[in-house]
C-alpha atoms as a PDB file:
ATOM      1  CA  UNK A   1       0.000   0.000   0.000  1.00  0.00           C
ATOM      2  CA  UNK A   2       1.452   3.347  -0.995  1.00  0.00           C
ATOM      3  CA  UNK A   3       2.114   5.859   1.752  1.00  0.00           C
ATOM      4  CA  UNK A   4      -0.151   8.847   1.210  1.00  0.00           C
ATOM      5  CA  UNK A   5      -0.820  12.317   2.550  1.00  0.00           C
ATOM      6  CA  UNK A   6      -3.619  14.782   1.984  1.00  0.00           C
ATOM      7  CA  UNK A   7      -2.793  18.260   3.248  1.00  0.00           C
ATOM      8  CA  UNK A   8      -5.686  20.352   1.992  1.00  0.00           C
ATOM      9  CA  UNK A   9      -9.290  19.758   1.058  1.00  0.00           C
ATOM     10  CA  UNK A  10     -10.279  19.658  -2.581  1.00  0.00           C
ATOM     11  CA  UNK A  11     -12.388  22.778  -2.220  1.00  0.00           C
ATOM     12  CA  UNK A  12      -9.356  24.789  -1.173  1.00  0.00           C
ATOM     13  CA  UNK A  13      -7.359  23.388  -4.072  1.00  0.00           C
ATOM     14  CA  UNK A  14      -9.854  24.766  -6.558  1.00  0.00           C
ATOM     15  CA  UNK A  15      -9.369  28.346  -5.478  1.00  0.00           C
ATOM     16  CA  UNK A  16      -7.202  30.914  -7.224  1.00  0.00           C
ATOM     17  CA  UNK A  17      -7.214  29.556 -10.772  1.00  0.00           C
ATOM     18  CA  UNK A  18      -3.740  28.042 -10.415  1.00  0.00           C
ATOM     19  CA  UNK A  19      -2.887  25.119 -12.729  1.00  0.00           C
ATOM     20  CA  UNK A  20      -3.170  21.665 -11.234  1.00  0.00           C
ATOM     21  CA  UNK A  21       0.341  20.191 -11.324  1.00  0.00           C
ATOM     22  CA  UNK A  22       1.100  16.478 -11.447  1.00  0.00           C
ATOM     23  CA  UNK A  23       4.653  15.855 -10.251  1.00  0.00           C
ATOM     24  CA  UNK A  24       6.662  12.620 -10.496  1.00  0.00           C
ATOM     25  CA  UNK A  25       9.888  11.656  -8.732  1.00  0.00           C
ATOM     26  CA  UNK A  26      11.462   8.327  -9.749  1.00  0.00           C
ATOM     27  CA  UNK A  27      15.206   9.017  -9.644  1.00  0.00           C
ATOM     28  CA  UNK A  28      15.772   7.154  -6.377  1.00  0.00           C
ATOM     29  CA  UNK A  29      14.721   3.889  -4.754  1.00  0.00           C
ATOM     30  CA  UNK A  30      11.411   5.323  -3.528  1.00  0.00           C
ATOM     31  CA  UNK A  31       9.075   6.737  -6.169  1.00  0.00           C
ATOM     32  CA  UNK A  32       6.601   9.476  -5.305  1.00  0.00           C
ATOM     33  CA  UNK A  33       3.799  11.375  -7.041  1.00  0.00           C
ATOM     34  CA  UNK A  34       1.976  14.524  -6.007  1.00  0.00           C
ATOM     35  CA  UNK A  35      -0.769  16.915  -7.032  1.00  0.00           C
ATOM     36  CA  UNK A  36      -0.271  20.597  -6.275  1.00  0.00           C
ATOM     37  CA  UNK A  37      -2.385  23.683  -6.826  1.00  0.00           C
ATOM     38  CA  UNK A  38      -0.197  26.744  -6.548  1.00  0.00           C
ATOM     39  CA  UNK A  39       2.053  26.255  -3.520  1.00  0.00           C
ATOM     40  CA  UNK A  40      -0.450  23.924  -1.850  1.00  0.00           C
ATOM     41  CA  UNK A  41      -0.143  20.154  -1.830  1.00  0.00           C
ATOM     42  CA  UNK A  42      -3.466  18.557  -2.686  1.00  0.00           C
ATOM     43  CA  UNK A  43      -2.534  14.879  -2.473  1.00  0.00           C
ATOM     44  CA  UNK A  44       0.615  12.755  -2.614  1.00  0.00           C
ATOM     45  CA  UNK A  45       1.717   9.131  -2.629  1.00  0.00           C
ATOM     46  CA  UNK A  46       5.030   7.401  -1.980  1.00  0.00           C
ATOM     47  CA  UNK A  47       5.807   3.828  -2.995  1.00  0.00           C
ATOM     48  CA  UNK A  48       6.645   1.167  -0.396  1.00  0.00           C
ATOM     49  CA  UNK A  49      10.330   0.249  -0.086  1.00  0.00           C
ATOM     50  CA  UNK A  50      11.501  -2.555  -2.313  1.00  0.00           C
ATOM     51  CA  UNK A  51       8.838  -2.310  -5.008  1.00  0.00           C
ATOM     52  CA  UNK A  52       9.848  -1.592  -8.587  1.00  0.00           C
ATOM     53  CA  UNK A  53       8.762   1.726 -10.060  1.00  0.00           C
ATOM     54  CA  UNK A  54       7.293  -0.008 -13.104  1.00  0.00           C
ATOM     55  CA  UNK A  55       4.844  -1.788 -10.763  1.00  0.00           C
ATOM     56  CA  UNK A  56       3.869   1.132  -8.532  1.00  0.00           C
ATOM     57  CA  UNK A  57       3.980   4.354 -10.527  1.00  0.00           C
ATOM     58  CA  UNK A  58       0.818   4.163 -12.638  1.00  0.00           C
ATOM     59  CA  UNK A  59      -1.330   2.672  -9.820  1.00  0.00           C
ATOM     60  CA  UNK A  60      -0.188   5.513  -7.518  1.00  0.00           C
ATOM     61  CA  UNK A  61      -1.125   8.107 -10.130  1.00  0.00           C
ATOM     62  CA  UNK A  62      -4.543   6.505 -10.651  1.00  0.00           C
ATOM     63  CA  UNK A  63      -5.112   6.451  -6.885  1.00  0.00           C
ATOM     64  CA  UNK A  64      -3.925  10.037  -6.549  1.00  0.00           C
ATOM     65  CA  UNK A  65      -6.338  11.349  -9.176  1.00  0.00           C
ATOM     66  CA  UNK A  66      -9.263   9.288  -7.877  1.00  0.00           C
ATOM     67  CA  UNK A  67      -8.711  10.463  -4.299  1.00  0.00           C
ATOM     68  CA  UNK A  68      -8.970  14.097  -5.374  1.00  0.00           C
ATOM     69  CA  UNK A  69     -11.855  13.527  -7.757  1.00  0.00           C
ATOM     70  CA  UNK A  70      -9.741  14.506 -10.762  1.00  0.00           C
ATOM     71  CA  UNK A  71      -9.229  13.175 -14.273  1.00  0.00           C
ATOM     72  CA  UNK A  72      -6.051  13.311 -16.316  1.00  0.00           C
ATOM     73  CA  UNK A  73      -7.636  16.061 -18.417  1.00  0.00           C
ATOM     74  CA  UNK A  74      -7.679  18.287 -15.315  1.00  0.00           C
ATOM     75  CA  UNK A  75      -3.872  18.395 -15.174  1.00  0.00           C
ATOM     76  CA  UNK A  76      -2.495  21.735 -16.359  1.00  0.00           C
ATOM     77  CA  UNK A  77       1.211  21.081 -15.775  1.00  0.00           C
ATOM     78  CA  UNK A  78       3.517  18.082 -15.575  1.00  0.00           C
ATOM     79  CA  UNK A  79       6.716  18.262 -13.498  1.00  0.00           C
ATOM     80  CA  UNK A  80       9.347  15.542 -13.575  1.00  0.00           C
ATOM     81  CA  UNK A  81      12.543  14.874 -11.676  1.00  0.00           C
ATOM     82  CA  UNK A  82      14.996  14.224 -14.526  1.00  0.00           C
ATOM     83  CA  UNK A  83      18.101  13.224 -12.585  1.00  0.00           C
ATOM     84  CA  UNK A  84      20.767  12.542 -11.786  1.00  0.00           C
ATOM     85  CA  UNK A  85      19.769   9.205 -10.351  1.00  0.00           C
ATOM     86  CA  UNK A  86      19.341   5.543 -11.228  1.00  0.00           C
ATOM     87  CA  UNK A  87      19.301   5.199 -15.027  1.00  0.00           C
ATOM     88  CA  UNK A  88      16.453   2.691 -15.273  1.00  0.00           C
ATOM     89  CA  UNK A  89      14.313   4.527 -12.723  1.00  0.00           C
ATOM     90  CA  UNK A  90      14.729   7.813 -14.578  1.00  0.00           C
ATOM     91  CA  UNK A  91      13.659   6.186 -17.830  1.00  0.00           C
ATOM     92  CA  UNK A  92      10.534   4.724 -16.193  1.00  0.00           C
ATOM     93  CA  UNK A  93       9.489   8.148 -14.906  1.00  0.00           C
ATOM     94  CA  UNK A  94      10.137   9.804 -18.244  1.00  0.00           C
ATOM     95  CA  UNK A  95       8.279   7.154 -20.247  1.00  0.00           C
ATOM     96  CA  UNK A  96       5.321   7.314 -17.852  1.00  0.00           C
ATOM     97  CA  UNK A  97       5.031  11.083 -18.036  1.00  0.00           C
ATOM     98  CA  UNK A  98       5.326  11.116 -21.828  1.00  0.00           C
ATOM     99  CA  UNK A  99       2.588   8.501 -22.021  1.00  0.00           C
ATOM    100  CA  UNK A 100       0.311  10.556 -19.779  1.00  0.00           C
ATOM    101  CA  UNK A 101       0.926  13.738 -21.780  1.00  0.00           C
ATOM    102  CA  UNK A 102       0.796  12.103 -25.221  1.00  0.00           C
ATOM    103  CA  UNK A 103      -1.390  13.986 -27.664  1.00  0.00           C
ATOM    104  CA  UNK A 104      -1.879  16.974 -25.378  1.00  0.00           C
ATOM    105  CA  UNK A 105      -0.359  20.445 -25.436  1.00  0.00           C
ATOM    106  CA  UNK A 106      -0.040  20.724 -21.687  1.00  0.00           C
ATOM    107  CA  UNK A 107       3.352  22.072 -20.589  1.00  0.00           C
ATOM    108  CA  UNK A 108       6.000  20.124 -18.739  1.00  0.00           C
ATOM    109  CA  UNK A 109       8.950  21.265 -16.626  1.00  0.00           C
ATOM    110  CA  UNK A 110      12.162  19.325 -16.042  1.00  0.00           C
ATOM    111  CA  UNK A 111      13.368  19.516 -12.437  1.00  0.00           C
ATOM    112  CA  UNK A 112      16.810  18.694 -11.081  1.00  0.00           C
ATOM    113  CA  UNK A 113      16.654  15.771  -8.656  1.00  0.00           C
ATOM    114  CA  UNK A 114      19.433  17.338  -6.606  1.00  0.00           C
ATOM    115  CA  UNK A 115      17.600  20.653  -6.320  1.00  0.00           C
ATOM    116  CA  UNK A 116      14.431  18.802  -5.282  1.00  0.00           C
ATOM    117  CA  UNK A 117      16.479  16.968  -2.630  1.00  0.00           C
ATOM    118  CA  UNK A 118      17.973  20.232  -1.353  1.00  0.00           C
ATOM    119  CA  UNK A 119      14.530  21.812  -1.136  1.00  0.00           C
ATOM    120  CA  UNK A 120      13.121  18.750   0.663  1.00  0.00           C
ATOM    121  CA  UNK A 121      15.908  18.945   3.238  1.00  0.00           C
ATOM    122  CA  UNK A 122      15.479  22.653   3.781  1.00  0.00           C
ATOM    123  CA  UNK A 123      11.724  22.303   4.276  1.00  0.00           C
ATOM    124  CA  UNK A 124      12.196  19.429   6.743  1.00  0.00           C
ATOM    125  CA  UNK A 125      14.855  20.973   8.948  1.00  0.00           C
ATOM    126  CA  UNK A 126      13.383  22.827  11.959  1.00  0.00           C
ATOM    127  CA  UNK A 127      16.163  25.400  11.740  1.00  0.00           C
ATOM    128  CA  UNK A 128      17.249  25.686   8.092  1.00  0.00           C
ATOM    129  CA  UNK A 129      21.047  25.821   8.010  1.00  0.00           C
ATOM    130  CA  UNK A 130      22.910  28.948   7.112  1.00  0.00           C
ATOM    131  CA  UNK A 131      25.401  28.701   4.292  1.00  0.00           C
ATOM    132  CA  UNK A 132      25.415  25.925   1.727  1.00  0.00           C
ATOM    133  CA  UNK A 133      23.126  22.937   1.425  1.00  0.00           C
ATOM    134  CA  UNK A 134      24.915  20.155  -0.431  1.00  0.00           C
ATOM    135  CA  UNK A 135      22.551  17.411  -1.671  1.00  0.00           C
ATOM    136  CA  UNK A 136      24.278  14.099  -2.363  1.00  0.00           C
ATOM    137  CA  UNK A 137      23.043  10.893  -4.004  1.00  0.00           C
ATOM    138  CA  UNK A 138      24.968   7.640  -4.198  1.00  0.00           C
ATOM    139  CA  UNK A 139      26.729   7.399  -7.581  1.00  0.00           C
ATOM    140  CA  UNK A 140      28.571   4.182  -6.647  1.00  0.00           C
ATOM    141  CA  UNK A 141      32.344   3.667  -6.858  1.00  0.00           C
ATOM    142  CA  UNK A 142      32.869   5.809  -3.751  1.00  0.00           C
ATOM    143  CA  UNK A 143      31.412   8.889  -5.436  1.00  0.00           C
ATOM    144  CA  UNK A 144      28.238  10.947  -5.189  1.00  0.00           C
ATOM    145  CA  UNK A 145      26.092  13.025  -7.478  1.00  0.00           C
ATOM    146  CA  UNK A 146      26.186  16.426  -5.809  1.00  0.00           C
ATOM    147  CA  UNK A 147      25.621  20.144  -6.200  1.00  0.00           C
ATOM    148  CA  UNK A 148      25.533  23.046  -3.745  1.00  0.00           C
ATOM    149  CA  UNK A 149      22.860  25.651  -3.108  1.00  0.00           C
ATOM    150  CA  UNK A 150      22.728  28.754  -0.976  1.00  0.00           C
ATOM    151  CA  UNK A 151      20.276  27.781   1.756  1.00  0.00           C
ATOM    152  CA  UNK A 152      18.372  31.049   1.600  1.00  0.00           C
ATOM    153  CA  UNK A 153      17.856  30.700  -2.164  1.00  0.00           C
ATOM    154  CA  UNK A 154      15.762  27.565  -1.606  1.00  0.00           C
ATOM    155  CA  UNK A 155      13.188  29.489   0.425  1.00  0.00           C
ATOM    156  CA  UNK A 156      11.758  30.692  -2.900  1.00  0.00           C
ATOM    157  CA  UNK A 157      12.616  28.135  -5.615  1.00  0.00           C
ATOM    158  CA  UNK A 158      14.704  29.786  -8.308  1.00  0.00           C
ATOM    159  CA  UNK A 159      14.173  28.196 -11.723  1.00  0.00           C
ATOM    160  CA  UNK A 160      17.144  30.093 -13.167  1.00  0.00           C
ATOM    161  CA  UNK A 161      19.524  28.384 -10.758  1.00  0.00           C
ATOM    162  CA  UNK A 162      21.091  31.570  -9.405  1.00  0.00           C
ATOM    163  CA  UNK A 163      21.390  29.922  -5.993  1.00  0.00           C
ATOM    164  CA  UNK A 164      23.357  26.947  -7.347  1.00  0.00           C
ATOM    165  CA  UNK A 165      26.982  27.385  -6.305  1.00  0.00           C
ATOM    166  CA  UNK A 166      28.423  24.083  -7.536  1.00  0.00           C
ATOM    167  CA  UNK A 167      27.568  22.415 -10.863  1.00  0.00           C
ATOM    168  CA  UNK A 168      25.762  19.083 -10.775  1.00  0.00           C
ATOM    169  CA  UNK A 169      28.358  16.397 -11.319  1.00  0.00           C
ATOM    170  CA  UNK A 170      29.978  13.276  -9.869  1.00  0.00           C
ATOM    171  CA  UNK A 171      32.353  13.996  -6.988  1.00  0.00           C
ATOM    172  CA  UNK A 172      34.632  12.060  -4.676  1.00  0.00           C
ATOM    173  CA  UNK A 173      34.994  13.353  -1.092  1.00  0.00           C
ATOM    174  CA  UNK A 174      38.319  14.889  -2.054  1.00  0.00           C
ATOM    175  CA  UNK A 175      36.824  16.666  -5.056  1.00  0.00           C
ATOM    176  CA  UNK A 176      33.951  18.055  -2.975  1.00  0.00           C
ATOM    177  CA  UNK A 177      36.406  19.322  -0.383  1.00  0.00           C
ATOM    178  CA  UNK A 178      38.449  21.115  -3.030  1.00  0.00           C
ATOM    179  CA  UNK A 179      35.385  22.520  -4.819  1.00  0.00           C
ATOM    180  CA  UNK A 180      33.751  23.761  -1.605  1.00  0.00           C
ATOM    181  CA  UNK A 181      36.517  24.907   0.760  1.00  0.00           C
ATOM    182  CA  UNK A 182      33.884  26.760   2.815  1.00  0.00           C
ATOM    183  CA  UNK A 183      32.086  23.482   3.571  1.00  0.00           C
ATOM    184  CA  UNK A 184      28.340  23.090   3.976  1.00  0.00           C
ATOM    185  CA  UNK A 185      25.524  20.887   5.269  1.00  0.00           C
ATOM    186  CA  UNK A 186      25.416  17.493   3.544  1.00  0.00           C
ATOM    187  CA  UNK A 187      21.939  16.065   2.953  1.00  0.00           C
ATOM    188  CA  UNK A 188      20.528  12.961   1.299  1.00  0.00           C
ATOM    189  CA  UNK A 189      21.425   9.290   1.070  1.00  0.00           C
ATOM    190  CA  UNK A 190      24.892  10.047  -0.301  1.00  0.00           C
ATOM    191  CA  UNK A 191      25.820  12.258   2.635  1.00  0.00           C
ATOM    192  CA  UNK A 192      26.891   9.312   4.773  1.00  0.00           C
ATOM    193  CA  UNK A 193      29.265   8.133   2.046  1.00  0.00           C
ATOM    194  CA  UNK A 194      31.329  11.303   1.884  1.00  0.00           C
ATOM    195  CA  UNK A 195      30.704  12.872   5.286  1.00  0.00           C
ATOM    196  CA  UNK A 196      33.346  10.894   7.251  1.00  0.00           C
ATOM    197  CA  UNK A 197      36.196  11.986   5.011  1.00  0.00           C
ATOM    198  CA  UNK A 198      35.012  15.594   4.818  1.00  0.00           C
ATOM    199  CA  UNK A 199      34.179  15.995   8.502  1.00  0.00           C
ATOM    200  CA  UNK A 200      37.435  14.334   9.594  1.00  0.00           C
ATOM    201  CA  UNK A 201      39.331  16.721   7.337  1.00  0.00           C
ATOM    202  CA  UNK A 202      37.470  19.909   8.289  1.00  0.00           C
ATOM    203  CA  UNK A 203      34.973  19.339  11.148  1.00  0.00           C
ATOM    204  CA  UNK A 204      34.513  23.066  11.627  1.00  0.00           C
ATOM    205  CA  UNK A 205      33.235  23.498   8.074  1.00  0.00           C
ATOM    206  CA  UNK A 206      31.281  20.322   7.226  1.00  0.00           C
ATOM    207  CA  UNK A 207      28.195  18.917   8.945  1.00  0.00           C
ATOM    208  CA  UNK A 208      25.450  16.418   8.148  1.00  0.00           C
ATOM    209  CA  UNK A 209      21.686  16.821   8.504  1.00  0.00           C
ATOM    210  CA  UNK A 210      20.699  15.853  12.067  1.00  0.00           C
ATOM    211  CA  UNK A 211      18.049  13.279  11.137  1.00  0.00           C
ATOM    212  CA  UNK A 212      17.339  10.425   8.760  1.00  0.00           C
ATOM    213  CA  UNK A 213      18.619  11.329   5.283  1.00  0.00           C
ATOM    214  CA  UNK A 214      16.250  13.467   3.261  1.00  0.00           C
ATOM    215  CA  UNK A 215      14.938  12.084  -0.017  1.00  0.00           C
ATOM    216  CA  UNK A 216      13.789  13.958  -3.120  1.00  0.00           C
ATOM    217  CA  UNK A 217      10.000  14.078  -3.094  1.00  0.00           C
ATOM    218  CA  UNK A 218       7.372  14.749  -5.743  1.00  0.00           C
ATOM    219  CA  UNK A 219       5.998  17.653  -3.695  1.00  0.00           C
ATOM    220  CA  UNK A 220       9.314  19.478  -4.033  1.00  0.00           C
ATOM    221  CA  UNK A 221       9.469  18.537  -7.707  1.00  0.00           C
ATOM    222  CA  UNK A 222       6.038  20.130  -8.104  1.00  0.00           C
ATOM    223  CA  UNK A 223       7.058  23.327  -6.303  1.00  0.00           C
ATOM    224  CA  UNK A 224      10.097  23.680  -8.546  1.00  0.00           C
ATOM    225  CA  UNK A 225       8.024  22.807 -11.605  1.00  0.00           C
ATOM    226  CA  UNK A 226       5.513  25.551 -10.839  1.00  0.00           C
ATOM    227  CA  UNK A 227       8.368  28.035 -10.366  1.00  0.00           C
ATOM    228  CA  UNK A 228       9.777  26.924 -13.717  1.00  0.00           C
ATOM    229  CA  UNK A 229       6.414  27.423 -15.407  1.00  0.00           C
ATOM    230  CA  UNK A 230       6.127  30.954 -13.990  1.00  0.00           C
ATOM    231  CA  UNK A 231       9.614  31.728 -15.298  1.00  0.00           C
ATOM    232  CA  UNK A 232       8.818  30.494 -18.798  1.00  0.00           C
ATOM    233  CA  UNK A 233      10.919  27.339 -18.578  1.00  0.00           C
ATOM    234  CA  UNK A 234       8.254  24.871 -19.664  1.00  0.00           C
ATOM    235  CA  UNK A 235       8.373  22.696 -22.777  1.00  0.00           C
ATOM    236  CA  UNK A 236       6.369  19.872 -24.278  1.00  0.00           C
ATOM    237  CA  UNK A 237       6.666  16.506 -22.558  1.00  0.00           C
ATOM    238  CA  UNK A 238       8.121  15.092 -25.781  1.00  0.00           C
ATOM    239  CA  UNK A 239      11.149  17.385 -25.360  1.00  0.00           C
ATOM    240  CA  UNK A 240      12.097  16.127 -21.896  1.00  0.00           C
ATOM    241  CA  UNK A 241      15.310  14.115 -21.626  1.00  0.00           C
ATOM    242  CA  UNK A 242      16.920  12.495 -18.579  1.00  0.00           C
ATOM    243  CA  UNK A 243      19.953  14.048 -16.909  1.00  0.00           C
ATOM    244  CA  UNK A 244      22.255  11.131 -16.194  1.00  0.00           C
ATOM    245  CA  UNK A 245      25.443  13.177 -15.524  1.00  0.00           C
ATOM    246  CA  UNK A 246      27.602  10.045 -15.672  1.00  0.00           C
ATOM    247  CA  UNK A 247      27.563   8.182 -18.977  1.00  0.00           C
ATOM    248  CA  UNK A 248      26.747   4.496 -19.134  1.00  0.00           C
ATOM    249  CA  UNK A 249      29.780   2.220 -19.411  1.00  0.00           C
ATOM    250  CA  UNK A 250      29.083   1.485 -23.083  1.00  0.00           C
ATOM    251  CA  UNK A 251      29.084   5.224 -23.812  1.00  0.00           C
ATOM    252  CA  UNK A 252      32.328   5.710 -21.886  1.00  0.00           C
ATOM    253  CA  UNK A 253      33.937   2.990 -23.997  1.00  0.00           C
ATOM    254  CA  UNK A 254      32.592   4.477 -27.227  1.00  0.00           C
ATOM    255  CA  UNK A 255      33.343   8.149 -26.553  1.00  0.00           C
ATOM    256  CA  UNK A 256      36.094   8.047 -23.885  1.00  0.00           C
ATOM    257  CA  UNK A 257      33.983  10.682 -22.075  1.00  0.00           C
ATOM    258  CA  UNK A 258      32.978   9.858 -18.489  1.00  0.00           C
ATOM    259  CA  UNK A 259      30.433  12.642 -17.954  1.00  0.00           C
ATOM    260  CA  UNK A 260      27.642  14.095 -20.056  1.00  0.00           C
ATOM    261  CA  UNK A 261      28.183  17.470 -21.652  1.00  0.00           C
ATOM    262  CA  UNK A 262      26.539  20.314 -19.691  1.00  0.00           C
END
């Protein structure tokens, strides 16, 4: 049974003429979906641990729409977490969204999984940290997908990325330390992989979120998607592409390039 939350009544969601946004997050081990109207969460679902996204995603979306009394035609915006993350999971989310939007002219917004993770962490922390928030996802091989955001910039999602202070890429602990000599607050599942080396090296500059690791969530994807729509950063669903960051091994062999071009 999918975990679910309902934060506002349907009647409240109808007010204000804001587009109804369907947001999907499938980049990590736990998939989530959410409906938002403006800045308000209408309904959300999160898949149980251990279940494959291909089995849970469409049933969660059907349940989400039915719970709110909506049809797919009521959706005015699609928002999708496009990575970085697990390659297969990203492709499932992208294929699902393109199927839902097929034949329609409704806009879609691509959202960085790392920015969604940073926003989720900032919203969850009782005292949002000053300085940098550094979201980190496990990239295997002792590395993480990471970026860095000014904590205050996440209070109002910035679709132009002005608050991003480190490009999204694959980093080892040593590379993160060199790229961010000022340190920051590490958040997400990858934080525990790099935190020991960074904190041992510079305990006065690096810290880790004081709770279970945050995860990117469809609600945060929706908030960023709505900000992107307002800023004119929407496109058709057919134009969305995943952001892998690291190339698949076959591509590395073929091109000798380890990372995707920015």
